[in-house]
């Protein structure tokens, strides 16, 4: 009886492996088919429709350069784009550092470029916003009144909307923003800035790049805002591609992106980029670009381990040691070391 069951299990495993291999072959054939569309995933900036409209001119140029269809997907949340990547519904993506870190370490993608801005900056800063006439005059005053203020932040995967303020402002003081404030509202940068301007919340996270875009779109509301706190520099967003795309196709994609707005049609292409997010172009880079974001995740994991109740000090030390070991492994992987 046991022998028969074992044979049936072997046949089931064999069938599952065959199906998996067939799916991989089908995907590879699709990737090599010049008529098969490539999907470009867009980090949500403002609304998804707005993001699609802003990226469309550049993606139309990419379609012509590759001579194959290029479709775009933009979602309303960071989790939405992360899910699309995990389900392999995205071939190329424009992502913030934390999303890109997951894509590279868990979803078989690689960094090929980072965005550049016209002002030459190497990054942007996270900020906390309050109303211009707010009674909160400085960070120390805000932090001295636990449970009083209404707070709006970005999603947990948002670098400037959650991770950096949490790592640089709250965690060093032994605080958790989700329990410090009277209430916490989670939304995108644009809506959070509007919530402060309209008096719906007292404090909100944002960033210098999105705030400049907000100033252009909502000048009246922008005039009602004040920056309470500013982080250190955060590296710009990056472009990632799937590793299982054919090498020649990955190379052509990288060449197009890093050469965009630098050739004979630079003036028109630069105009297309300005529609997106005041982007001047893209510079070639690799996975090591994401090390600062691995460091952010490391800091948060250390804080969680330190503040959590453990059954014993030995259990806590074991967890901290694993966090250290995992961080070293991730950094080595991003640097291309075995």
Foldseek 3Di string as FASTA:
>chain_A
DVVVVVVVVVVVVVVVVVVVVVVVVVVQVLLPDQAREAEEEEEDQPAQVLQCVLCVVLQVVVCVLSVYHYHYDYHFAPVVSLVCLQVVVHFKYWFFLLSVLCCVPPRQKKFWWFFAFPVRDQFWKKFKKFFPPDPPQAPVVVQVDFAAWEEEFEDPSDVSRALQCCLPPALVVLHDVCRRYVYYHYHDQLVRLLCRLVVVTGMGMHIDQSLVVSCVVPVPSNNGMDTRDIGPGGGGITMMGHPSRPPVVVVSVSCSQQCFLPDPCNVVRCVSNCSNRNTRGIHTDILLSSLVVLVSVLSVQLSCLVPDDDPDPVVSVVSNVVSVVVSVVSNCVSVVHD
